[in-house]
Amino acid sequence: MQFQLNTDHHIGGDERMAEVAEQIVTETLGPLVKRLSRTELHLKDTNAGKGGPDDIRCTLEARPEGLKPHTVHHDGADVAAAIKGAAKKMRSHLDHEFGKLADRH
């Protein structure tokens, strides 16, 4: 699975952040990562550095092999909370989608 991290200019997206983000997403998605060709994580500071509750938005896009991409969003108080929340939502979403596919077969 390929992993790509994108950030706005208010959030520094260095190699260390990319490694931590990939680890969080991979651990949260668990065995589902084997069915994905790529994941993209987008981080944005919605208040442009002014602070405030849940001002970090994480958009996570997962591309299952042979299927259309799936996207979820989560707003968190900090980068880690936003990533974890989005990864949990994606896990739930993909479990549901793959479950529907299995039911059809």
PDB file of N, CA and C in Angstrom:
ATOM      1  N   MET A   1       0.840  -1.176   0.000  1.00  0.00           N
ATOM      2  CA  MET A   1       0.000   0.000   0.000  1.00  0.00           C
ATOM      3  C   MET A   1       0.885   1.239   0.000  1.00  0.00           C
ATOM      4  N   GLN A   2       0.570   2.152  -0.889  1.00  0.00           N
ATOM      5  CA  GLN A   2       1.257   3.436  -0.906  1.00  0.00           C
ATOM      6  C   GLN A   2       0.582   4.363   0.086  1.00  0.00           C
ATOM      7  N   PHE A   3       1.373   5.242   0.701  1.00  0.00           N
ATOM      8  CA  PHE A   3       0.839   6.216   1.647  1.00  0.00           C
ATOM      9  C   PHE A   3       1.365   7.587   1.280  1.00  0.00           C
ATOM     10  N   GLN A   4       0.465   8.568   1.247  1.00  0.00           N
ATOM     11  CA  GLN A   4       0.873   9.929   0.928  1.00  0.00           C
ATOM     12  C   GLN A   4       0.277  10.883   1.951  1.00  0.00           C
ATOM     13  N   LEU A   5       1.115  11.796   2.473  1.00  0.00           N
ATOM     14  CA  LEU A   5       0.671  12.806   3.427  1.00  0.00           C
ATOM     15  C   LEU A   5       0.726  14.168   2.764  1.00  0.00           C
ATOM     16  N   ASN A   6      -0.377  14.907   2.862  1.00  0.00           N
ATOM     17  CA  ASN A   6      -0.448  16.277   2.354  1.00  0.00           C
ATOM     18  C   ASN A   6      -0.872  17.179   3.500  1.00  0.00           C
ATOM     19  N   THR A   7      -0.216  18.343   3.632  1.00  0.00           N
ATOM     20  CA  THR A   7      -0.578  19.293   4.683  1.00  0.00           C
ATOM     21  C   THR A   7      -0.712  20.685   4.089  1.00  0.00           C
ATOM     22  N   ASP A   8      -1.461  21.538   4.802  1.00  0.00           N
ATOM     23  CA  ASP A   8      -1.511  22.934   4.367  1.00  0.00           C
ATOM     24  C   ASP A   8      -0.279  23.652   4.923  1.00  0.00           C
ATOM     25  N   HIS A   9      -0.140  24.943   4.648  1.00  0.00           N
ATOM     26  CA  HIS A   9       1.075  25.641   5.056  1.00  0.00           C
ATOM     27  C   HIS A   9       1.086  26.017   6.543  1.00  0.00           C
ATOM     28  N   HIS A  10       0.036  25.687   7.292  1.00  0.00           N
ATOM     29  CA  HIS A  10       0.003  25.921   8.728  1.00  0.00           C
ATOM     30  C   HIS A  10       0.448  24.688   9.516  1.00  0.00           C
ATOM     31  N   ILE A  11       0.552  23.558   8.840  1.00  0.00           N
ATOM     32  CA  ILE A  11       0.962  22.310   9.483  1.00  0.00           C
ATOM     33  C   ILE A  11       2.206  21.799   8.772  1.00  0.00           C
ATOM     34  N   GLY A  12       3.272  21.623   9.507  1.00  0.00           N
ATOM     35  CA  GLY A  12       4.515  21.126   8.915  1.00  0.00           C
ATOM     36  C   GLY A  12       4.441  19.625   8.689  1.00  0.00           C
ATOM     37  N   GLY A  13       4.574  19.199   7.464  1.00  0.00           N
ATOM     38  CA  GLY A  13       4.464  17.780   7.135  1.00  0.00           C
ATOM     39  C   GLY A  13       5.813  17.177   6.807  1.00  0.00           C
ATOM     40  N   ASP A  14       6.660  16.997   7.821  1.00  0.00           N
ATOM     41  CA  ASP A  14       7.992  16.439   7.590  1.00  0.00           C
ATOM     42  C   ASP A  14       7.943  14.909   7.544  1.00  0.00           C
ATOM     43  N   GLU A  15       9.111  14.299   7.352  1.00  0.00           N
ATOM     44  CA  GLU A  15       9.182  12.835   7.237  1.00  0.00           C
ATOM     45  C   GLU A  15       8.701  12.138   8.494  1.00  0.00           C
ATOM     46  N   ARG A  16       9.053  12.693   9.647  1.00  0.00           N
ATOM     47  CA  ARG A  16       8.656  12.075  10.911  1.00  0.00           C
ATOM     48  C   ARG A  16       7.133  12.054  11.040  1.00  0.00           C
ATOM     49  N   MET A  17       6.486  13.164  10.684  1.00  0.00           N
ATOM     50  CA  MET A  17       5.024  13.209  10.755  1.00  0.00           C
ATOM     51  C   MET A  17       4.412  12.200   9.794  1.00  0.00           C
ATOM     52  N   ALA A  18       4.993  12.069   8.614  1.00  0.00           N
ATOM     53  CA  ALA A  18       4.486  11.103   7.639  1.00  0.00           C
ATOM     54  C   ALA A  18       4.605   9.678   8.176  1.00  0.00           C
ATOM     55  N   GLU A  19       5.713   9.371   8.838  1.00  0.00           N
ATOM     56  CA  GLU A  19       5.899   8.035   9.409  1.00  0.00           C
ATOM     57  C   GLU A  19       4.876   7.745  10.498  1.00  0.00           C
ATOM     58  N   VAL A  20       4.681   8.713  11.394  1.00  0.00           N
ATOM     59  CA  VAL A  20       3.727   8.534  12.491  1.00  0.00           C
ATOM     60  C   VAL A  20       2.307   8.404  11.935  1.00  0.00           C
ATOM     61  N   ALA A  21       1.952   9.252  10.983  1.00  0.00           N
ATOM     62  CA  ALA A  21       0.619   9.197  10.381  1.00  0.00           C
ATOM     63  C   ALA A  21       0.386   7.854   9.703  1.00  0.00           C
ATOM     64  N   GLU A  22       1.368   7.391   8.957  1.00  0.00           N
ATOM     65  CA  GLU A  22       1.221   6.093   8.283  1.00  0.00           C
ATOM     66  C   GLU A  22       1.068   4.964   9.297  1.00  0.00           C
ATOM     67  N   GLN A  23       1.821   5.035  10.381  1.00  0.00           N
ATOM     68  CA  GLN A  23       1.725   4.002  11.418  1.00  0.00           C
ATOM     69  C   GLN A  23       0.338   3.991  12.051  1.00  0.00           C
ATOM     70  N   ILE A  24      -0.201   5.171  12.370  1.00  0.00           N
ATOM     71  CA  ILE A  24      -1.539   5.250  12.969  1.00  0.00           C
ATOM     72  C   ILE A  24      -2.583   4.659  12.025  1.00  0.00           C
ATOM     73  N   VAL A  25      -2.528   5.061  10.765  1.00  0.00           N
ATOM     74  CA  VAL A  25      -3.510   4.583   9.782  1.00  0.00           C
ATOM     75  C   VAL A  25      -3.377   3.076   9.584  1.00  0.00           C
ATOM     76  N   THR A  26      -2.172   2.594   9.421  1.00  0.00           N
ATOM     77  CA  THR A  26      -1.934   1.168   9.183  1.00  0.00           C
ATOM     78  C   THR A  26      -2.402   0.323  10.356  1.00  0.00           C
ATOM     79  N   GLU A  27      -2.073   0.753  11.575  1.00  0.00           N
ATOM     80  CA  GLU A  27      -2.486  -0.007  12.757  1.00  0.00           C
ATOM     81  C   GLU A  27      -4.003   0.010  12.934  1.00  0.00           C
ATOM     82  N   THR A  28      -4.619   1.141  12.666  1.00  0.00           N
ATOM     83  CA  THR A  28      -6.061   1.250  12.845  1.00  0.00           C
ATOM     84  C   THR A  28      -6.823   0.436  11.802  1.00  0.00           C
ATOM     85  N   LEU A  29      -6.367   0.468  10.566  1.00  0.00           N
ATOM     86  CA  LEU A  29      -7.046  -0.285   9.510  1.00  0.00           C
ATOM     87  C   LEU A  29      -6.774  -1.779   9.600  1.00  0.00           C
ATOM     88  N   GLY A  30      -5.686  -2.149  10.240  1.00  0.00           N
ATOM     89  CA  GLY A  30      -5.370  -3.553  10.454  1.00  0.00           C
ATOM     90  C   GLY A  30      -5.266  -4.337   9.160  1.00  0.00           C
ATOM     91  N   PRO A  31      -5.902  -5.510   9.104  1.00  0.00           N
ATOM     92  CA  PRO A  31      -5.779  -6.374   7.922  1.00  0.00           C
ATOM     93  C   PRO A  31      -6.412  -5.796   6.653  1.00  0.00           C
ATOM     94  N   LEU A  32      -7.195  -4.743   6.796  1.00  0.00           N
ATOM     95  CA  LEU A  32      -7.814  -4.139   5.611  1.00  0.00           C
ATOM     96  C   LEU A  32      -6.782  -3.496   4.689  1.00  0.00           C
ATOM     97  N   VAL A  33      -5.602  -3.140   5.217  1.00  0.00           N
ATOM     98  CA  VAL A  33      -4.590  -2.480   4.378  1.00  0.00           C
ATOM     99  C   VAL A  33      -4.150  -3.380   3.227  1.00  0.00           C
ATOM    100  N   LYS A  34      -4.281  -4.678   3.391  1.00  0.00           N
ATOM    101  CA  LYS A  34      -3.895  -5.606   2.319  1.00  0.00           C
ATOM    102  C   LYS A  34      -4.781  -5.445   1.089  1.00  0.00           C
ATOM    103  N   ARG A  35      -5.980  -4.898   1.297  1.00  0.00           N
ATOM    104  CA  ARG A  35      -6.930  -4.736   0.192  1.00  0.00           C
ATOM    105  C   ARG A  35      -6.873  -3.341  -0.433  1.00  0.00           C
ATOM    106  N   LEU A  36      -5.953  -2.499   0.064  1.00  0.00           N
ATOM    107  CA  LEU A  36      -5.842  -1.131  -0.429  1.00  0.00           C
ATOM    108  C   LEU A  36      -4.596  -0.963  -1.284  1.00  0.00           C
ATOM    109  N   SER A  37      -4.724  -0.205  -2.363  1.00  0.00           N
ATOM    110  CA  SER A  37      -3.555   0.095  -3.183  1.00  0.00           C
ATOM    111  C   SER A  37      -2.891   1.383  -2.737  1.00  0.00           C
ATOM    112  N   ARG A  38      -3.686   2.291  -2.131  1.00  0.00           N
ATOM    113  CA  ARG A  38      -3.131   3.593  -1.762  1.00  0.00           C
ATOM    114  C   ARG A  38      -4.026   4.260  -0.719  1.00  0.00           C
ATOM    115  N   THR A  39      -3.398   5.035   0.166  1.00  0.00           N
ATOM    116  CA  THR A  39      -4.129   5.911   1.071  1.00  0.00           C
ATOM    117  C   THR A  39      -3.499   7.295   1.003  1.00  0.00           C
ATOM    118  N   GLU A  40      -4.349   8.309   1.040  1.00  0.00           N
ATOM    119  CA  GLU A  40      -3.881   9.692   1.068  1.00  0.00           C
ATOM    120  C   GLU A  40      -4.482  10.371   2.276  1.00  0.00           C
ATOM    121  N   LEU A  41      -3.641  11.085   3.007  1.00  0.00           N
ATOM    122  CA  LEU A  41      -4.062  11.783   4.203  1.00  0.00           C
ATOM    123  C   LEU A  41      -3.829  13.272   3.981  1.00  0.00           C
ATOM    124  N   HIS A  42      -4.858  14.072   4.178  1.00  0.00           N
ATOM    125  CA  HIS A  42      -4.765  15.523   4.014  1.00  0.00           C
ATOM    126  C   HIS A  42      -5.054  16.170   5.361  1.00  0.00           C
ATOM    127  N   LEU A  43      -4.129  17.019   5.833  1.00  0.00           N
ATOM    128  CA  LEU A  43      -4.308  17.723   7.092  1.00  0.00           C
ATOM    129  C   LEU A  43      -4.433  19.210   6.832  1.00  0.00           C
ATOM    130  N   LYS A  44      -5.411  19.827   7.492  1.00  0.00           N
ATOM    131  CA  LYS A  44      -5.653  21.254   7.299  1.00  0.00           C
ATOM    132  C   LYS A  44      -5.987  21.900   8.639  1.00  0.00           C
ATOM    133  N   ASP A  45      -5.390  23.053   8.912  1.00  0.00           N
ATOM    134  CA  ASP A  45      -5.724  23.835  10.092  1.00  0.00           C
ATOM    135  C   ASP A  45      -6.852  24.776   9.683  1.00  0.00           C
ATOM    136  N   THR A  46      -8.071  24.455  10.074  1.00  0.00           N
ATOM    137  CA  THR A  46      -9.236  25.204   9.604  1.00  0.00           C
ATOM    138  C   THR A  46      -9.311  26.620  10.159  1.00  0.00           C
ATOM    139  N   ASN A  47      -8.640  26.882  11.285  1.00  0.00           N
ATOM    140  CA  ASN A  47      -8.643  28.223  11.868  1.00  0.00           C
ATOM    141  C   ASN A  47      -7.356  28.980  11.557  1.00  0.00           C
ATOM    142  N   ALA A  48      -6.570  28.457  10.641  1.00  0.00           N
ATOM    143  CA  ALA A  48      -5.333  29.117  10.194  1.00  0.00           C
ATOM    144  C   ALA A  48      -4.407  29.503  11.343  1.00  0.00           C
ATOM    145  N   GLY A  49      -4.195  28.584  12.274  1.00  0.00           N
ATOM    146  CA  GLY A  49      -3.245  28.823  13.343  1.00  0.00           C
ATOM    147  C   GLY A  49      -3.773  29.622  14.517  1.00  0.00           C
ATOM    148  N   LYS A  50      -5.031  30.011  14.519  1.00  0.00           N
ATOM    149  CA  LYS A  50      -5.592  30.826  15.597  1.00  0.00           C
ATOM    150  C   LYS A  50      -5.971  29.997  16.821  1.00  0.00           C
ATOM    151  N   GLY A  51      -6.049  28.708  16.680  1.00  0.00           N
ATOM    152  CA  GLY A  51      -6.452  27.850  17.785  1.00  0.00           C
ATOM    153  C   GLY A  51      -7.958  27.698  17.833  1.00  0.00           C
ATOM    154  N   GLY A  52      -8.402  26.921  18.782  1.00  0.00           N
ATOM    155  CA  GLY A  52      -9.831  26.682  18.923  1.00  0.00           C
ATOM    156  C   GLY A  52     -10.103  25.202  18.990  1.00  0.00           C
ATOM    157  N   PRO A  53     -11.306  24.846  19.395  1.00  0.00           N
ATOM    158  CA  PRO A  53     -11.641  23.423  19.519  1.00  0.00           C
ATOM    159  C   PRO A  53     -11.776  22.751  18.155  1.00  0.00           C
ATOM    160  N   ASP A  54     -11.198  21.589  18.065  1.00  0.00           N
ATOM    161  CA  ASP A  54     -11.320  20.751  16.867  1.00  0.00           C
ATOM    162  C   ASP A  54     -11.038  21.526  15.580  1.00  0.00           C
ATOM    163  N   ASP A  55      -9.896  22.196  15.538  1.00  0.00           N
ATOM    164  CA  ASP A  55      -9.585  23.014  14.365  1.00  0.00           C
ATOM    165  C   ASP A  55      -8.664  22.327  13.360  1.00  0.00           C
ATOM    166  N   ILE A  56      -8.282  21.074  13.629  1.00  0.00           N
ATOM    167  CA  ILE A  56      -7.464  20.320  12.674  1.00  0.00           C
ATOM    168  C   ILE A  56      -8.382  19.345  11.941  1.00  0.00           C
ATOM    169  N   ARG A  57      -8.463  19.471  10.628  1.00  0.00           N
ATOM    170  CA  ARG A  57      -9.301  18.581   9.819  1.00  0.00           C
ATOM    171  C   ARG A  57      -8.405  17.576   9.105  1.00  0.00           C
ATOM    172  N   CYS A  58      -8.757  16.314   9.266  1.00  0.00           N
ATOM    173  CA  CYS A  58      -8.064  15.238   8.574  1.00  0.00           C
ATOM    174  C   CYS A  58      -9.032  14.632   7.573  1.00  0.00           C
ATOM    175  N   THR A  59      -8.607  14.597   6.328  1.00  0.00           N
ATOM    176  CA  THR A  59      -9.364  13.928   5.278  1.00  0.00           C
ATOM    177  C   THR A  59      -8.546  12.713   4.866  1.00  0.00           C
ATOM    178  N   LEU A  60      -9.144  11.555   4.951  1.00  0.00           N
ATOM    179  CA  LEU A  60      -8.453  10.310   4.615  1.00  0.00           C
ATOM    180  C   LEU A  60      -9.154   9.673   3.423  1.00  0.00           C
ATOM    181  N   GLU A  61      -8.383   9.407   2.386  1.00  0.00           N
ATOM    182  CA  GLU A  61      -8.906   8.747   1.196  1.00  0.00           C
ATOM    183  C   GLU A  61      -8.223   7.387   1.065  1.00  0.00           C
ATOM    184  N   ALA A  62      -9.009   6.351   0.927  1.00  0.00           N
ATOM    185  CA  ALA A  62      -8.494   4.998   0.743  1.00  0.00           C
ATOM    186  C   ALA A  62      -8.949   4.490  -0.610  1.00  0.00           C
ATOM    187  N   ARG A  63      -8.044   3.832  -1.305  1.00  0.00           N
ATOM    188  CA  ARG A  63      -8.363   3.298  -2.626  1.00  0.00           C
ATOM    189  C   ARG A  63      -8.260   1.773  -2.611  1.00  0.00           C
ATOM    190  N   PRO A  64      -9.403   1.117  -2.400  1.00  0.00           N
ATOM    191  CA  PRO A  64      -9.396  -0.347  -2.452  1.00  0.00           C
ATOM    192  C   PRO A  64      -9.148  -0.812  -3.886  1.00  0.00           C
ATOM    193  N   GLU A  65      -8.411  -1.890  -4.016  1.00  0.00           N
ATOM    194  CA  GLU A  65      -8.113  -2.410  -5.345  1.00  0.00           C
ATOM    195  C   GLU A  65      -9.403  -2.837  -6.033  1.00  0.00           C
ATOM    196  N   GLY A  66      -9.613  -2.301  -7.236  1.00  0.00           N
ATOM    197  CA  GLY A  66     -10.769  -2.653  -8.034  1.00  0.00           C
ATOM    198  C   GLY A  66     -12.053  -1.915  -7.689  1.00  0.00           C
ATOM    199  N   LEU A  67     -11.995  -0.999  -6.715  1.00  0.00           N
ATOM    200  CA  LEU A  67     -13.186  -0.254  -6.309  1.00  0.00           C
ATOM    201  C   LEU A  67     -12.916   1.249  -6.371  1.00  0.00           C
ATOM    202  N   LYS A  68     -13.980   2.034  -6.268  1.00  0.00           N
ATOM    203  CA  LYS A  68     -13.835   3.490  -6.238  1.00  0.00           C
ATOM    204  C   LYS A  68     -13.203   3.918  -4.911  1.00  0.00           C
ATOM    205  N   PRO A  69     -12.516   5.062  -4.918  1.00  0.00           N
ATOM    206  CA  PRO A  69     -11.930   5.573  -3.662  1.00  0.00           C
ATOM    207  C   PRO A  69     -13.011   5.936  -2.646  1.00  0.00           C
ATOM    208  N   HIS A  70     -12.680   5.806  -1.380  1.00  0.00           N
ATOM    209  CA  HIS A  70     -13.571   6.157  -0.281  1.00  0.00           C
ATOM    210  C   HIS A  70     -12.903   7.248   0.542  1.00  0.00           C
ATOM    211  N   THR A  71     -13.696   8.231   0.977  1.00  0.00           N
ATOM    212  CA  THR A  71     -13.157   9.369   1.715  1.00  0.00           C
ATOM    213  C   THR A  71     -13.955   9.613   2.983  1.00  0.00           C
ATOM    214  N   VAL A  72     -13.218   9.916   4.077  1.00  0.00           N
ATOM    215  CA  VAL A  72     -13.842  10.302   5.343  1.00  0.00           C
ATOM    216  C   VAL A  72     -13.125  11.536   5.880  1.00  0.00           C
ATOM    217  N   HIS A  73     -13.794  12.269   6.764  1.00  0.00           N
ATOM    218  CA  HIS A  73     -13.228  13.453   7.408  1.00  0.00           C
ATOM    219  C   HIS A  73     -13.374  13.310   8.916  1.00  0.00           C
ATOM    220  N   HIS A  74     -12.437  13.922   9.631  1.00  0.00           N
ATOM    221  CA  HIS A  74     -12.574  14.008  11.084  1.00  0.00           C
ATOM    222  C   HIS A  74     -11.876  15.273  11.548  1.00  0.00           C
ATOM    223  N   ASP A  75     -12.539  16.020  12.440  1.00  0.00           N
ATOM    224  CA  ASP A  75     -11.951  17.212  13.035  1.00  0.00           C
ATOM    225  C   ASP A  75     -11.486  16.871  14.440  1.00  0.00           C
ATOM    226  N   GLY A  76     -10.258  17.271  14.761  1.00  0.00           N
ATOM    227  CA  GLY A  76      -9.705  16.984  16.075  1.00  0.00           C
ATOM    228  C   GLY A  76      -8.998  18.184  16.668  1.00  0.00           C
ATOM    229  N   ALA A  77      -8.713  18.095  17.968  1.00  0.00           N
ATOM    230  CA  ALA A  77      -8.047  19.184  18.676  1.00  0.00           C
ATOM    231  C   ALA A  77      -6.577  19.299  18.281  1.00  0.00           C
ATOM    232  N   ASP A  78      -5.989  18.179  17.859  1.00  0.00           N
ATOM    233  CA  ASP A  78      -4.604  18.192  17.404  1.00  0.00           C
ATOM    234  C   ASP A  78      -4.451  17.204  16.248  1.00  0.00           C
ATOM    235  N   VAL A  79      -3.273  17.177  15.676  1.00  0.00           N
ATOM    236  CA  VAL A  79      -3.035  16.347  14.492  1.00  0.00           C
ATOM    237  C   VAL A  79      -3.284  14.867  14.796  1.00  0.00           C
ATOM    238  N   ALA A  80      -2.742  14.374  15.901  1.00  0.00           N
ATOM    239  CA  ALA A  80      -2.886  12.949  16.230  1.00  0.00           C
ATOM    240  C   ALA A  80      -4.352  12.571  16.411  1.00  0.00           C
ATOM    241  N   ALA A  81      -5.114  13.401  17.112  1.00  0.00           N
ATOM    242  CA  ALA A  81      -6.534  13.108  17.333  1.00  0.00           C
ATOM    243  C   ALA A  81      -7.307  13.105  16.015  1.00  0.00           C
ATOM    244  N   ALA A  82      -6.985  14.032  15.136  1.00  0.00           N
ATOM    245  CA  ALA A  82      -7.665  14.097  13.841  1.00  0.00           C
ATOM    246  C   ALA A  82      -7.362  12.858  12.999  1.00  0.00           C
ATOM    247  N   ILE A  83      -6.092  12.435  12.986  1.00  0.00           N
ATOM    248  CA  ILE A  83      -5.706  11.251  12.207  1.00  0.00           C
ATOM    249  C   ILE A  83      -6.366   9.998  12.769  1.00  0.00           C
ATOM    250  N   LYS A  84      -6.312   9.835  14.089  1.00  0.00           N
ATOM    251  CA  LYS A  84      -6.913   8.651  14.712  1.00  0.00           C
ATOM    252  C   LYS A  84      -8.411   8.581  14.453  1.00  0.00           C
ATOM    253  N   GLY A  85      -9.083   9.720  14.566  1.00  0.00           N
ATOM    254  CA  GLY A  85     -10.524   9.750  14.322  1.00  0.00           C
ATOM    255  C   GLY A  85     -10.876   9.390  12.893  1.00  0.00           C
ATOM    256  N   ALA A  86     -10.120   9.938  11.945  1.00  0.00           N
ATOM    257  CA  ALA A  86     -10.379   9.642  10.531  1.00  0.00           C
ATOM    258  C   ALA A  86     -10.089   8.176  10.229  1.00  0.00           C
ATOM    259  N   ALA A  87      -9.017   7.644  10.802  1.00  0.00           N
ATOM    260  CA  ALA A  87      -8.670   6.241  10.560  1.00  0.00           C
ATOM    261  C   ALA A  87      -9.754   5.307  11.112  1.00  0.00           C
ATOM    262  N   LYS A  88     -10.299   5.633  12.284  1.00  0.00           N
ATOM    263  CA  LYS A  88     -11.366   4.811  12.860  1.00  0.00           C
ATOM    264  C   LYS A  88     -12.616   4.861  11.983  1.00  0.00           C
ATOM    265  N   LYS A  89     -12.940   6.054  11.485  1.00  0.00           N
ATOM    266  CA  LYS A  89     -14.102   6.174  10.593  1.00  0.00           C
ATOM    267  C   LYS A  89     -13.888   5.366   9.316  1.00  0.00           C
ATOM    268  N   MET A  90     -12.655   5.418   8.779  1.00  0.00           N
ATOM    269  CA  MET A  90     -12.361   4.672   7.559  1.00  0.00           C
ATOM    270  C   MET A  90     -12.458   3.175   7.813  1.00  0.00           C
ATOM    271  N   ARG A  91     -11.976   2.721   8.945  1.00  0.00           N
ATOM    272  CA  ARG A  91     -12.051   1.296   9.281  1.00  0.00           C
ATOM    273  C   ARG A  91     -13.511   0.848   9.288  1.00  0.00           C
ATOM    274  N   SER A  92     -14.353   1.612   9.943  1.00  0.00           N
ATOM    275  CA  SER A  92     -15.773   1.286  10.010  1.00  0.00           C
ATOM    276  C   SER A  92     -16.406   1.291   8.618  1.00  0.00           C
ATOM    277  N   HIS A  93     -16.064   2.306   7.845  1.00  0.00           N
ATOM    278  CA  HIS A  93     -16.617   2.432   6.494  1.00  0.00           C
ATOM    279  C   HIS A  93     -16.191   1.258   5.606  1.00  0.00           C
ATOM    280  N   LEU A  94     -14.910   0.918   5.641  1.00  0.00           N
ATOM    281  CA  LEU A  94     -14.409  -0.183   4.798  1.00  0.00           C
ATOM    282  C   LEU A  94     -14.944  -1.531   5.265  1.00  0.00           C
ATOM    283  N   ASP A  95     -15.055  -1.725   6.584  1.00  0.00           N
ATOM    284  CA  ASP A  95     -15.659  -2.971   7.090  1.00  0.00           C
ATOM    285  C   ASP A  95     -17.058  -3.135   6.512  1.00  0.00           C
ATOM    286  N   HIS A  96     -17.809  -2.051   6.501  1.00  0.00           N
ATOM    287  CA  HIS A  96     -19.164  -2.083   5.971  1.00  0.00           C
ATOM    288  C   HIS A  96     -19.164  -2.376   4.465  1.00  0.00           C
ATOM    289  N   GLU A  97     -18.308  -1.672   3.715  1.00  0.00           N
ATOM    290  CA  GLU A  97     -18.264  -1.863   2.258  1.00  0.00           C
ATOM    291  C   GLU A  97     -17.831  -3.277   1.892  1.00  0.00           C
ATOM    292  N   PHE A  98     -16.766  -3.750   2.517  1.00  0.00           N
ATOM    293  CA  PHE A  98     -16.280  -5.112   2.210  1.00  0.00           C
ATOM    294  C   PHE A  98     -17.291  -6.156   2.656  1.00  0.00           C
ATOM    295  N   GLY A  99     -18.017  -5.880   3.736  1.00  0.00           N
ATOM    296  CA  GLY A  99     -19.062  -6.786   4.186  1.00  0.00           C
ATOM    297  C   GLY A  99     -20.178  -6.906   3.174  1.00  0.00           C
ATOM    298  N   LYS A 100     -20.566  -5.770   2.576  1.00  0.00           N
ATOM    299  CA  LYS A 100     -21.608  -5.789   1.541  1.00  0.00           C
ATOM    300  C   LYS A 100     -21.140  -6.595   0.338  1.00  0.00           C
ATOM    301  N   LEU A 101     -19.875  -6.431  -0.037  1.00  0.00           N
ATOM    302  CA  LEU A 101     -19.342  -7.183  -1.180  1.00  0.00           C
ATOM    303  C   LEU A 101     -19.350  -8.679  -0.900  1.00  0.00           C
ATOM    304  N   ALA A 102     -18.987  -9.058   0.319  1.00  0.00           N
ATOM    305  CA  ALA A 102     -18.957 -10.465   0.687  1.00  0.00           C
ATOM    306  C   ALA A 102     -20.374 -11.052   0.683  1.00  0.00           C
ATOM    307  N   ASP A 103     -21.348 -10.252   1.094  1.00  0.00           N
ATOM    308  CA  ASP A 103     -22.742 -10.731   1.112  1.00  0.00           C
ATOM    309  C   ASP A 103     -23.261 -10.981  -0.290  1.00  0.00           C
ATOM    310  N   ARG A 104     -22.796 -10.206  -1.256  1.00  0.00           N
ATOM    311  CA  ARG A 104     -23.248 -10.386  -2.639  1.00  0.00           C
ATOM    312  C   ARG A 104     -22.705 -11.670  -3.251  1.00  0.00           C
ATOM    313  N   HIS A 105     -21.549 -12.081  -2.793  1.00  0.00           N
ATOM    314  CA  HIS A 105     -20.924 -13.277  -3.374  1.00  0.00           C
ATOM    315  C   HIS A 105     -21.355 -14.458  -2.591  1.00  0.00           C
TER     316      HIS A 105
END
